[in-house]
Amino acid sequence: MAENTGSGGPIFVLGMLQRSGTNFLRDLLAAHPHCQGSDSLAEDHLVHHAELLAQYSGWVGSHWANHADPEEVDRLEADLLQSIGRGLREFIARSVGGVRPVLKTPSVRNVDLFFRLFDDASLLILVRDGRSMVESGMRSFGWDFEEATRNWATAADRIAAFRTAMGDRTRGWRIVRYEDLLTDSNELRDILAAVSLDADLYDFESVQRIPVKGSSSYKRTGGDVHWQPVEPGADFQPLNRWADWSESQHARFNWLAGDQMKALGYELVESAAGGSRPMWNRYRDGSWFARRVRKRLLARVRR
C-alpha cells in the first residue's frame, strides 16, 4: 500500500467528455479525509485551455533565442511553464483548500501538457464506454449521434497518444474505467494507492451511498438535467444505456470508433451491416463532412 503523509499535489480528474462520470469519481475521492472537492471550481478547465500558456512560454522564449544557447532557451521555457503551473497550484489551494484538492473537468484536451504544468500533481483519466456516453449525451443534452461518436473517438485518440508519450512512467497518473468503479470492488483501493492516499483512512461503506449527480436517468420534470444529489434507485442502470440501439447504430459507431473502443478494452457489438456495407458508411462520412463545410460557410456569411 502506498504510504501517505497527508501531503501532496492536487488530484485532477479529466474525463473523456461530459457524461464520463467525473462527478462520481471526484465525490469518491473527496470522501477521503485528506481530500476536498470544490463548489466554486465545479469544473476547473485549467488543463483544457493550457495551450495558451504553452504558447505564451514559447512566445516569450522566442525573444531569448538570440541571446542564449538553444538548449538553455528550451530549459528556460520549460521552467517558465512549470512556474506558471506553480502559480496555478497556489490559486487552487486558495480556491479549494484541503490537504489534497480534487478538481475535475470533462475534457482531455491538452492532456499532453499536464505534467509540463503540474509536475507533482496526480492525474486520473476517466474513460467510459463510448456507446453509453453517446446515448447519455443524446438523452441529456440532445447530442447528435454522429458528432458525439466522433468526439468520443477524438478523446480516445488523445488518451492513446498521451499513454504512448508517457512510456514506462506510471507514477502520478492512471487511466480509470467508469465501469470498473461500479463493478470492481478493488478498483477504488487501486486508485487511492495510485494517488498516494491511505486506504486505511477511507470509509468504504459510506461511499456505497454516494448520491448520483447529473444523471440522464433523473432529469427534472421539464426534461432538464440537474446536478442536485439523488439517491439512486433500482432503475439506475448506467452500464447499458445503449441496450436499445439498432443494428445500424452499432454499425455506424463501430465504423467511427471501433478501434478506439478496442484500445480501451471494450467489446463491440458486431453488426453484419457494418461489415457488409462499407459504401453506406463512406456515404455517411461524406454527408457528415458536407454538413460541416456548409455550417462553417453559413457561420462565415453571418459574421
C-alpha atoms as a PDB file:
ATOM      1  CA  MET A   1       0.000   0.000   0.000  1.00  0.00           C
ATOM      2  CA  ALA A   2       1.320   3.445  -0.878  1.00  0.00           C
ATOM      3  CA  GLU A   3       2.248   5.485   2.157  1.00  0.00           C
ATOM      4  CA  ASN A   4       0.566   8.861   2.521  1.00  0.00           C
ATOM      5  CA  THR A   5       1.979  11.577   4.733  1.00  0.00           C
ATOM      6  CA  GLY A   6      -1.058  13.797   4.397  1.00  0.00           C
ATOM      7  CA  SER A   7       0.603  15.998   1.774  1.00  0.00           C
ATOM      8  CA  GLY A   8       0.904  16.012  -1.968  1.00  0.00           C
ATOM      9  CA  GLY A   9      -0.193  17.875  -5.037  1.00  0.00           C
ATOM     10  CA  PRO A  10      -3.750  18.364  -6.228  1.00  0.00           C
ATOM     11  CA  ILE A  11      -5.601  15.493  -7.853  1.00  0.00           C
ATOM     12  CA  PHE A  12      -7.023  16.197 -11.305  1.00  0.00           C
ATOM     13  CA  VAL A  13      -9.823  14.078 -12.751  1.00  0.00           C
ATOM     14  CA  LEU A  14     -10.033  14.515 -16.525  1.00  0.00           C
ATOM     15  CA  GLY A  15     -12.954  12.777 -18.191  1.00  0.00           C
ATOM     16  CA  MET A  16     -13.174  11.982 -21.889  1.00  0.00           C
ATOM     17  CA  LEU A  17     -16.240  14.174 -22.383  1.00  0.00           C
ATOM     18  CA  GLN A  18     -19.344  15.135 -20.494  1.00  0.00           C
ATOM     19  CA  ARG A  19     -21.207  12.025 -19.321  1.00  0.00           C
ATOM     20  CA  SER A  20     -17.973  10.212 -18.394  1.00  0.00           C
ATOM     21  CA  GLY A  21     -18.681  10.174 -14.634  1.00  0.00           C
ATOM     22  CA  THR A  22     -16.320  12.884 -13.383  1.00  0.00           C
ATOM     23  CA  ASN A  23     -18.764  13.982 -10.676  1.00  0.00           C
ATOM     24  CA  PHE A  24     -18.863  10.444  -9.331  1.00  0.00           C
ATOM     25  CA  LEU A  25     -15.094   9.937  -9.209  1.00  0.00           C
ATOM     26  CA  ARG A  26     -14.479  13.411  -7.761  1.00  0.00           C
ATOM     27  CA  ASP A  27     -17.019  12.731  -4.993  1.00  0.00           C
ATOM     28  CA  LEU A  28     -15.428   9.360  -4.234  1.00  0.00           C
ATOM     29  CA  LEU A  29     -12.018  10.988  -3.806  1.00  0.00           C
ATOM     30  CA  ALA A  30     -13.381  13.943  -1.850  1.00  0.00           C
ATOM     31  CA  ALA A  31     -14.763  11.472   0.699  1.00  0.00           C
ATOM     32  CA  HIS A  32     -11.192  10.760   1.822  1.00  0.00           C
ATOM     33  CA  PRO A  33     -10.303  12.782   4.956  1.00  0.00           C
ATOM     34  CA  HIS A  34      -7.176  14.192   3.263  1.00  0.00           C
ATOM     35  CA  CYS A  35      -9.100  15.460   0.231  1.00  0.00           C
ATOM     36  CA  GLN A  36     -11.530  18.202  -0.576  1.00  0.00           C
ATOM     37  CA  GLY A  37     -13.573  18.984  -3.653  1.00  0.00           C
ATOM     38  CA  SER A  38     -14.710  22.400  -4.783  1.00  0.00           C
ATOM     39  CA  ASP A  39     -18.091  24.005  -5.339  1.00  0.00           C
ATOM     40  CA  SER A  40     -16.639  27.233  -6.717  1.00  0.00           C
ATOM     41  CA  LEU A  41     -14.491  25.331  -9.230  1.00  0.00           C
ATOM     42  CA  ALA A  42     -17.060  22.697 -10.107  1.00  0.00           C
ATOM     43  CA  GLU A  43     -15.257  22.213 -13.436  1.00  0.00           C
ATOM     44  CA  ASP A  44     -11.862  23.925 -13.419  1.00  0.00           C
ATOM     45  CA  HIS A  45     -10.833  23.654 -17.119  1.00  0.00           C
ATOM     46  CA  LEU A  46      -7.258  24.593 -16.173  1.00  0.00           C
ATOM     47  CA  VAL A  47      -5.784  21.967 -18.494  1.00  0.00           C
ATOM     48  CA  HIS A  48      -8.446  22.380 -21.189  1.00  0.00           C
ATOM     49  CA  HIS A  49      -7.033  25.804 -22.168  1.00  0.00           C
ATOM     50  CA  ALA A  50      -3.385  25.084 -21.343  1.00  0.00           C
ATOM     51  CA  GLU A  51      -2.190  25.501 -24.927  1.00  0.00           C
ATOM     52  CA  LEU A  52      -2.437  29.268 -24.358  1.00  0.00           C
ATOM     53  CA  LEU A  53       0.077  29.012 -21.525  1.00  0.00           C
ATOM     54  CA  ALA A  54       2.404  26.864 -23.635  1.00  0.00           C
ATOM     55  CA  GLN A  55       2.143  29.394 -26.455  1.00  0.00           C
ATOM     56  CA  TYR A  56       2.929  32.207 -24.035  1.00  0.00           C
ATOM     57  CA  SER A  57       6.056  30.422 -22.830  1.00  0.00           C
ATOM     58  CA  GLY A  58       7.114  29.845 -26.437  1.00  0.00           C
ATOM     59  CA  TRP A  59       6.464  33.427 -27.469  1.00  0.00           C
ATOM     60  CA  VAL A  60       8.438  34.781 -24.538  1.00  0.00           C
ATOM     61  CA  GLY A  61      11.244  32.300 -25.168  1.00  0.00           C
ATOM     62  CA  SER A  62      11.497  33.384 -28.786  1.00  0.00           C
ATOM     63  CA  HIS A  63      12.848  36.723 -27.547  1.00  0.00           C
ATOM     64  CA  TRP A  64      15.631  34.921 -25.702  1.00  0.00           C
ATOM     65  CA  ALA A  65      16.730  32.868 -28.688  1.00  0.00           C
ATOM     66  CA  ASN A  66      19.240  35.437 -29.963  1.00  0.00           C
ATOM     67  CA  HIS A  67      20.940  35.762 -26.588  1.00  0.00           C
ATOM     68  CA  ALA A  68      21.319  32.220 -25.266  1.00  0.00           C
ATOM     69  CA  ASP A  69      22.125  28.664 -26.311  1.00  0.00           C
ATOM     70  CA  PRO A  70      19.070  26.908 -27.861  1.00  0.00           C
ATOM     71  CA  GLU A  71      19.156  24.160 -25.227  1.00  0.00           C
ATOM     72  CA  GLU A  72      19.245  26.798 -22.490  1.00  0.00           C
ATOM     73  CA  VAL A  73      16.269  28.551 -24.066  1.00  0.00           C
ATOM     74  CA  ASP A  74      14.326  25.262 -24.109  1.00  0.00           C
ATOM     75  CA  ARG A  75      15.169  24.720 -20.435  1.00  0.00           C
ATOM     76  CA  LEU A  76      14.068  28.243 -19.529  1.00  0.00           C
ATOM     77  CA  GLU A  77      10.807  27.880 -21.469  1.00  0.00           C
ATOM     78  CA  ALA A  78      10.068  24.609 -19.652  1.00  0.00           C
ATOM     79  CA  ASP A  79      10.899  26.226 -16.312  1.00  0.00           C
ATOM     80  CA  LEU A  80       8.655  29.182 -17.131  1.00  0.00           C
ATOM     81  CA  LEU A  81       5.750  26.864 -17.852  1.00  0.00           C
ATOM     82  CA  GLN A  82       6.380  24.963 -14.604  1.00  0.00           C
ATOM     83  CA  SER A  83       6.472  28.285 -12.740  1.00  0.00           C
ATOM     84  CA  ILE A  84       3.086  29.171 -14.221  1.00  0.00           C
ATOM     85  CA  GLY A  85       1.869  25.777 -13.031  1.00  0.00           C
ATOM     86  CA  ARG A  86       3.093  26.535  -9.508  1.00  0.00           C
ATOM     87  CA  GLY A  87       1.120  29.769  -9.629  1.00  0.00           C
ATOM     88  CA  LEU A  88      -1.958  27.787 -10.619  1.00  0.00           C
ATOM     89  CA  ARG A  89      -1.335  25.460  -7.684  1.00  0.00           C
ATOM     90  CA  GLU A  90      -1.418  28.452  -5.340  1.00  0.00           C
ATOM     91  CA  PHE A  91      -4.682  29.522  -6.941  1.00  0.00           C
ATOM     92  CA  ILE A  92      -6.093  26.024  -6.435  1.00  0.00           C
ATOM     93  CA  ALA A  93      -5.008  25.953  -2.799  1.00  0.00           C
ATOM     94  CA  ARG A  94      -6.746  29.274  -2.123  1.00  0.00           C
ATOM     95  CA  SER A  95      -9.888  28.339  -4.048  1.00  0.00           C
ATOM     96  CA  VAL A  96     -10.352  24.760  -2.865  1.00  0.00           C
ATOM     97  CA  GLY A  97      -8.467  24.332   0.376  1.00  0.00           C
ATOM     98  CA  GLY A  98      -7.905  20.953   1.951  1.00  0.00           C
ATOM     99  CA  VAL A  99      -4.683  18.986   2.071  1.00  0.00           C
ATOM    100  CA  ARG A 100      -5.312  17.408  -1.345  1.00  0.00           C
ATOM    101  CA  PRO A 101      -7.643  19.469  -3.554  1.00  0.00           C
ATOM    102  CA  VAL A 102      -9.624  17.378  -6.043  1.00  0.00           C
ATOM    103  CA  LEU A 103     -10.520  19.039  -9.338  1.00  0.00           C
ATOM    104  CA  LYS A 104     -12.390  17.671 -12.310  1.00  0.00           C
ATOM    105  CA  THR A 105     -13.071  18.583 -15.916  1.00  0.00           C
ATOM    106  CA  PRO A 106     -14.938  16.512 -18.528  1.00  0.00           C
ATOM    107  CA  SER A 107     -12.258  17.034 -21.179  1.00  0.00           C
ATOM    108  CA  VAL A 108      -8.867  15.558 -22.087  1.00  0.00           C
ATOM    109  CA  ARG A 109      -7.964  18.420 -24.398  1.00  0.00           C
ATOM    110  CA  ASN A 110      -4.292  19.348 -23.814  1.00  0.00           C
ATOM    111  CA  VAL A 111      -3.723  16.337 -21.567  1.00  0.00           C
ATOM    112  CA  ASP A 112      -0.288  16.145 -23.205  1.00  0.00           C
ATOM    113  CA  LEU A 113       0.625  19.390 -21.391  1.00  0.00           C
ATOM    114  CA  PHE A 114      -0.455  18.177 -17.959  1.00  0.00           C
ATOM    115  CA  PHE A 115       2.907  17.269 -16.446  1.00  0.00           C
ATOM    116  CA  ARG A 116       4.627  20.200 -18.146  1.00  0.00           C
ATOM    117  CA  LEU A 117       2.439  22.378 -15.930  1.00  0.00           C
ATOM    118  CA  PHE A 118       1.857  20.223 -12.860  1.00  0.00           C
ATOM    119  CA  ASP A 119       4.911  18.069 -12.328  1.00  0.00           C
ATOM    120  CA  ASP A 120       3.932  16.999  -8.792  1.00  0.00           C
ATOM    121  CA  ALA A 121       0.168  16.657  -9.239  1.00  0.00           C
ATOM    122  CA  SER A 122      -1.800  13.429  -9.684  1.00  0.00           C
ATOM    123  CA  LEU A 123      -3.801  12.726 -12.820  1.00  0.00           C
ATOM    124  CA  LEU A 124      -6.733  10.356 -13.197  1.00  0.00           C
ATOM    125  CA  ILE A 125      -8.054   9.997 -16.745  1.00  0.00           C
ATOM    126  CA  LEU A 126     -11.625   8.721 -16.629  1.00  0.00           C
ATOM    127  CA  VAL A 127     -12.871   6.747 -19.623  1.00  0.00           C
ATOM    128  CA  ARG A 128     -16.271   5.230 -20.292  1.00  0.00           C
ATOM    129  CA  ASP A 129     -17.851   3.006 -22.916  1.00  0.00           C
ATOM    130  CA  GLY A 130     -18.441   5.310 -25.866  1.00  0.00           C
ATOM    131  CA  ARG A 131     -21.891   3.910 -26.560  1.00  0.00           C
ATOM    132  CA  SER A 132     -23.070   4.749 -23.050  1.00  0.00           C
ATOM    133  CA  MET A 133     -21.636   8.254 -23.279  1.00  0.00           C
ATOM    134  CA  VAL A 134     -23.172   8.945 -26.676  1.00  0.00           C
ATOM    135  CA  GLU A 135     -26.573   7.654 -25.607  1.00  0.00           C
ATOM    136  CA  SER A 136     -26.453   9.545 -22.304  1.00  0.00           C
ATOM    137  CA  GLY A 137     -25.467  12.732 -24.116  1.00  0.00           C
ATOM    138  CA  MET A 138     -28.326  12.359 -26.571  1.00  0.00           C
ATOM    139  CA  ARG A 139     -30.781  11.900 -23.716  1.00  0.00           C
ATOM    140  CA  SER A 140     -29.315  14.661 -21.546  1.00  0.00           C
ATOM    141  CA  PHE A 141     -28.292  17.399 -23.967  1.00  0.00           C
ATOM    142  CA  GLY A 142     -29.681  16.411 -27.350  1.00  0.00           C
ATOM    143  CA  TRP A 143     -26.278  15.453 -28.750  1.00  0.00           C
ATOM    144  CA  ASP A 144     -26.080  14.485 -32.400  1.00  0.00           C
ATOM    145  CA  PHE A 145     -25.166  10.794 -32.668  1.00  0.00           C
ATOM    146  CA  GLU A 146     -22.583  11.325 -35.406  1.00  0.00           C
ATOM    147  CA  GLU A 147     -20.850  14.280 -33.793  1.00  0.00           C
ATOM    148  CA  ALA A 148     -20.843  12.718 -30.316  1.00  0.00           C
ATOM    149  CA  THR A 149     -19.311   9.489 -31.620  1.00  0.00           C
ATOM    150  CA  ARG A 150     -16.598  11.381 -33.450  1.00  0.00           C
ATOM    151  CA  ASN A 151     -15.875  13.499 -30.363  1.00  0.00           C
ATOM    152  CA  TRP A 152     -15.557  10.368 -28.246  1.00  0.00           C
ATOM    153  CA  ALA A 153     -13.142   8.813 -30.744  1.00  0.00           C
ATOM    154  CA  THR A 154     -11.058  12.004 -30.783  1.00  0.00           C
ATOM    155  CA  ALA A 155     -10.847  11.961 -26.992  1.00  0.00           C
ATOM    156  CA  ALA A 156      -9.803   8.299 -27.058  1.00  0.00           C
ATOM    157  CA  ASP A 157      -7.061   9.138 -29.574  1.00  0.00           C
ATOM    158  CA  ARG A 158      -5.750  11.890 -27.296  1.00  0.00           C
ATOM    159  CA  ILE A 159      -5.593   9.458 -24.397  1.00  0.00           C
ATOM    160  CA  ALA A 160      -3.804   6.866 -26.528  1.00  0.00           C
ATOM    161  CA  ALA A 161      -1.232   9.446 -27.643  1.00  0.00           C
ATOM    162  CA  PHE A 162      -0.681  10.542 -24.042  1.00  0.00           C
ATOM    163  CA  ARG A 163      -0.243   6.948 -22.880  1.00  0.00           C
ATOM    164  CA  THR A 164       2.330   6.366 -25.605  1.00  0.00           C
ATOM    165  CA  ALA A 165       4.184   9.566 -24.744  1.00  0.00           C
ATOM    166  CA  MET A 166       4.351   8.595 -21.063  1.00  0.00           C
ATOM    167  CA  GLY A 167       6.194   5.399 -21.960  1.00  0.00           C
ATOM    168  CA  ASP A 168       7.198   3.495 -18.839  1.00  0.00           C
ATOM    169  CA  ARG A 169       6.220   6.273 -16.455  1.00  0.00           C
ATOM    170  CA  THR A 170       3.400   5.101 -14.206  1.00  0.00           C
ATOM    171  CA  ARG A 171       3.952   7.386 -11.217  1.00  0.00           C
ATOM    172  CA  GLY A 172       1.365  10.097 -10.695  1.00  0.00           C
ATOM    173  CA  TRP A 173      -1.239   9.075 -13.231  1.00  0.00           C
ATOM    174  CA  ARG A 174      -3.716   6.335 -14.049  1.00  0.00           C
ATOM    175  CA  ILE A 175      -6.468   5.560 -16.541  1.00  0.00           C
ATOM    176  CA  VAL A 176      -9.715   4.690 -14.746  1.00  0.00           C
ATOM    177  CA  ARG A 177     -12.652   2.950 -16.384  1.00  0.00           C
ATOM    178  CA  TYR A 178     -16.033   4.138 -15.131  1.00  0.00           C
ATOM    179  CA  GLU A 179     -17.400   0.616 -15.436  1.00  0.00           C
ATOM    180  CA  ASP A 180     -14.676  -0.739 -13.130  1.00  0.00           C
ATOM    181  CA  LEU A 181     -15.624   1.817 -10.486  1.00  0.00           C
ATOM    182  CA  LEU A 182     -19.108   0.310 -10.432  1.00  0.00           C
ATOM    183  CA  THR A 183     -18.274  -3.376 -10.745  1.00  0.00           C
ATOM    184  CA  ASP A 184     -14.781  -3.980  -9.310  1.00  0.00           C
ATOM    185  CA  SER A 185     -14.563  -3.793  -5.524  1.00  0.00           C
ATOM    186  CA  ASN A 186     -10.776  -3.356  -5.673  1.00  0.00           C
ATOM    187  CA  GLU A 187     -10.725  -0.511  -8.199  1.00  0.00           C
ATOM    188  CA  LEU A 188     -11.179   2.277  -5.658  1.00  0.00           C
ATOM    189  CA  ARG A 189      -8.374   0.898  -3.487  1.00  0.00           C
ATOM    190  CA  ASP A 190      -6.086   0.821  -6.514  1.00  0.00           C
ATOM    191  CA  ILE A 191      -6.983   4.418  -7.345  1.00  0.00           C
ATOM    192  CA  LEU A 192      -6.246   5.574  -3.787  1.00  0.00           C
ATOM    193  CA  ALA A 193      -2.852   3.877  -3.959  1.00  0.00           C
ATOM    194  CA  ALA A 194      -2.140   5.481  -7.345  1.00  0.00           C
ATOM    195  CA  VAL A 195      -2.624   8.985  -5.889  1.00  0.00           C
ATOM    196  CA  SER A 196      -0.860   8.165  -2.588  1.00  0.00           C
ATOM    197  CA  LEU A 197      -3.902   8.232  -0.327  1.00  0.00           C
ATOM    198  CA  ASP A 198      -4.082   5.915   2.668  1.00  0.00           C
ATOM    199  CA  ALA A 199      -6.921   3.444   2.127  1.00  0.00           C
ATOM    200  CA  ASP A 200      -6.967   2.629   5.850  1.00  0.00           C
ATOM    201  CA  LEU A 201      -8.414   6.105   6.473  1.00  0.00           C
ATOM    202  CA  TYR A 202     -11.199   5.668   3.923  1.00  0.00           C
ATOM    203  CA  ASP A 203     -14.765   4.744   4.837  1.00  0.00           C
ATOM    204  CA  PHE A 204     -15.597   2.335   2.037  1.00  0.00           C
ATOM    205  CA  GLU A 205     -19.006   1.529   3.465  1.00  0.00           C
ATOM    206  CA  SER A 206     -20.253   5.107   3.440  1.00  0.00           C
ATOM    207  CA  VAL A 207     -19.353   5.725  -0.204  1.00  0.00           C
ATOM    208  CA  GLN A 208     -21.706   2.958  -1.235  1.00  0.00           C
ATOM    209  CA  ARG A 209     -24.427   5.516  -0.510  1.00  0.00           C
ATOM    210  CA  ILE A 210     -22.949   8.404  -2.509  1.00  0.00           C
ATOM    211  CA  PRO A 211     -25.832  10.041  -4.406  1.00  0.00           C
ATOM    212  CA  VAL A 212     -25.993  10.426  -8.170  1.00  0.00           C
ATOM    213  CA  LYS A 213     -25.477  13.847  -9.757  1.00  0.00           C
ATOM    214  CA  GLY A 214     -26.345  14.891 -13.294  1.00  0.00           C
ATOM    215  CA  SER A 215     -27.608  11.528 -14.485  1.00  0.00           C
ATOM    216  CA  SER A 216     -29.802  11.370 -17.568  1.00  0.00           C
ATOM    217  CA  SER A 217     -31.968   8.957 -15.573  1.00  0.00           C
ATOM    218  CA  TYR A 218     -33.039  11.629 -13.091  1.00  0.00           C
ATOM    219  CA  LYS A 219     -33.883  14.718 -15.090  1.00  0.00           C
ATOM    220  CA  ARG A 220     -36.224  17.457 -13.880  1.00  0.00           C
ATOM    221  CA  THR A 221     -39.907  17.351 -14.742  1.00  0.00           C
ATOM    222  CA  GLY A 222     -39.263  19.695 -17.662  1.00  0.00           C
ATOM    223  CA  GLY A 223     -36.658  17.348 -19.058  1.00  0.00           C
ATOM    224  CA  ASP A 224     -33.508  19.221 -17.999  1.00  0.00           C
ATOM    225  CA  VAL A 225     -30.503  17.521 -16.419  1.00  0.00           C
ATOM    226  CA  HIS A 226     -29.653  18.824 -12.955  1.00  0.00           C
ATOM    227  CA  TRP A 227     -26.781  18.314 -10.518  1.00  0.00           C
ATOM    228  CA  GLN A 228     -28.708  18.011  -7.291  1.00  0.00           C
ATOM    229  CA  PRO A 229     -27.845  14.816  -5.381  1.00  0.00           C
ATOM    230  CA  VAL A 230     -30.310  11.991  -5.997  1.00  0.00           C
ATOM    231  CA  GLU A 231     -30.407   8.654  -4.202  1.00  0.00           C
ATOM    232  CA  PRO A 232     -30.199   6.052  -6.999  1.00  0.00           C
ATOM    233  CA  GLY A 233     -32.985   3.518  -7.204  1.00  0.00           C
ATOM    234  CA  ALA A 234     -33.191   0.058  -8.698  1.00  0.00           C
ATOM    235  CA  ASP A 235     -33.918   1.664 -12.081  1.00  0.00           C
ATOM    236  CA  PHE A 236     -30.470   3.269 -12.196  1.00  0.00           C
ATOM    237  CA  GLN A 237     -28.611   1.226 -14.823  1.00  0.00           C
ATOM    238  CA  PRO A 238     -25.683   3.311 -16.149  1.00  0.00           C
ATOM    239  CA  LEU A 239     -23.888   0.422 -17.850  1.00  0.00           C
ATOM    240  CA  ASN A 240     -26.466  -0.419 -20.505  1.00  0.00           C
ATOM    241  CA  ARG A 241     -27.563   2.968 -21.821  1.00  0.00           C
ATOM    242  CA  TRP A 242     -27.243   1.659 -25.382  1.00  0.00           C
ATOM    243  CA  ALA A 243     -29.242  -1.555 -24.858  1.00  0.00           C
ATOM    244  CA  ASP A 244     -31.909  -0.478 -27.362  1.00  0.00           C
ATOM    245  CA  TRP A 245     -29.563   0.598 -30.140  1.00  0.00           C
ATOM    246  CA  SER A 246     -30.402  -0.585 -33.626  1.00  0.00           C
ATOM    247  CA  GLU A 247     -28.053  -2.628 -35.784  1.00  0.00           C
ATOM    248  CA  SER A 248     -27.374   0.408 -37.954  1.00  0.00           C
ATOM    249  CA  GLN A 249     -26.376   2.464 -34.886  1.00  0.00           C
ATOM    250  CA  HIS A 250     -23.903  -0.213 -33.830  1.00  0.00           C
ATOM    251  CA  ALA A 251     -22.593  -0.439 -37.385  1.00  0.00           C
ATOM    252  CA  ARG A 252     -22.028   3.299 -37.610  1.00  0.00           C
ATOM    253  CA  PHE A 253     -20.475   3.531 -34.149  1.00  0.00           C
ATOM    254  CA  ASN A 254     -18.112   0.636 -34.865  1.00  0.00           C
ATOM    255  CA  TRP A 255     -17.040   2.249 -38.134  1.00  0.00           C
ATOM    256  CA  LEU A 256     -16.211   5.557 -36.434  1.00  0.00           C
ATOM    257  CA  ALA A 257     -14.914   4.432 -33.054  1.00  0.00           C
ATOM    258  CA  GLY A 258     -14.407   0.677 -33.091  1.00  0.00           C
ATOM    259  CA  ASP A 259     -10.606   0.775 -32.984  1.00  0.00           C
ATOM    260  CA  GLN A 260     -10.624   3.239 -30.096  1.00  0.00           C
ATOM    261  CA  MET A 261     -13.103   1.108 -28.165  1.00  0.00           C
ATOM    262  CA  LYS A 262     -10.903  -1.956 -28.511  1.00  0.00           C
ATOM    263  CA  ALA A 263      -7.827   0.023 -27.471  1.00  0.00           C
ATOM    264  CA  LEU A 264      -9.567   0.914 -24.211  1.00  0.00           C
ATOM    265  CA  GLY A 265     -10.608  -2.679 -23.597  1.00  0.00           C
ATOM    266  CA  TYR A 266     -14.278  -2.535 -24.583  1.00  0.00           C
ATOM    267  CA  GLU A 267     -16.039  -5.190 -26.618  1.00  0.00           C
ATOM    268  CA  LEU A 268     -18.128  -4.225 -29.609  1.00  0.00           C
ATOM    269  CA  VAL A 269     -21.496  -5.494 -30.718  1.00  0.00           C
ATOM    270  CA  GLU A 270     -20.557  -6.695 -34.152  1.00  0.00           C
ATOM    271  CA  SER A 271     -23.033  -5.737 -36.828  1.00  0.00           C
ATOM    272  CA  ALA A 272     -23.485  -7.504 -40.129  1.00  0.00           C
ATOM    273  CA  ALA A 273     -24.485  -4.173 -41.612  1.00  0.00           C
ATOM    274  CA  GLY A 274     -21.128  -2.639 -40.735  1.00  0.00           C
ATOM    275  CA  GLY A 275     -19.028  -5.320 -42.367  1.00  0.00           C
ATOM    276  CA  SER A 276     -21.124  -5.756 -45.475  1.00  0.00           C
ATOM    277  CA  ARG A 277     -21.978  -2.113 -46.199  1.00  0.00           C
ATOM    278  CA  PRO A 278     -18.744  -0.079 -46.342  1.00  0.00           C
ATOM    279  CA  MET A 279     -20.208   2.105 -49.085  1.00  0.00           C
ATOM    280  CA  TRP A 280     -23.050   3.064 -46.747  1.00  0.00           C
ATOM    281  CA  ASN A 281     -20.539   4.213 -44.128  1.00  0.00           C
ATOM    282  CA  ARG A 282     -18.481   6.119 -46.679  1.00  0.00           C
ATOM    283  CA  TYR A 283     -21.629   7.861 -47.870  1.00  0.00           C
ATOM    284  CA  ARG A 284     -22.363   8.838 -44.259  1.00  0.00           C
ATOM    285  CA  ASP A 285     -18.803  10.132 -43.921  1.00  0.00           C
ATOM    286  CA  GLY A 286     -19.256  12.296 -46.993  1.00  0.00           C
ATOM    287  CA  SER A 287     -22.574  13.641 -45.753  1.00  0.00           C
ATOM    288  CA  TRP A 288     -21.008  14.493 -42.407  1.00  0.00           C
ATOM    289  CA  PHE A 289     -18.133  16.466 -43.920  1.00  0.00           C
ATOM    290  CA  ALA A 290     -20.522  18.246 -46.304  1.00  0.00           C
ATOM    291  CA  ARG A 291     -22.675  19.357 -43.384  1.00  0.00           C
ATOM    292  CA  ARG A 292     -19.591  20.652 -41.557  1.00  0.00           C
ATOM    293  CA  VAL A 293     -18.450  22.655 -44.562  1.00  0.00           C
ATOM    294  CA  ARG A 294     -21.929  24.108 -45.031  1.00  0.00           C
ATOM    295  CA  LYS A 295     -22.137  25.018 -41.343  1.00  0.00           C
ATOM    296  CA  ARG A 296     -18.777  26.816 -41.455  1.00  0.00           C
ATOM    297  CA  LEU A 297     -19.721  28.708 -44.609  1.00  0.00           C
ATOM    298  CA  LEU A 298     -23.002  29.869 -43.079  1.00  0.00           C
ATOM    299  CA  ALA A 299     -21.202  30.990 -39.926  1.00  0.00           C
ATOM    300  CA  ARG A 300     -18.715  32.959 -42.050  1.00  0.00           C
ATOM    301  CA  VAL A 301     -21.540  34.607 -44.012  1.00  0.00           C
ATOM    302  CA  ARG A 302     -23.284  35.624 -40.773  1.00  0.00           C
ATOM    303  CA  ARG A 303     -20.075  37.194 -39.458  1.00  0.00           C
END
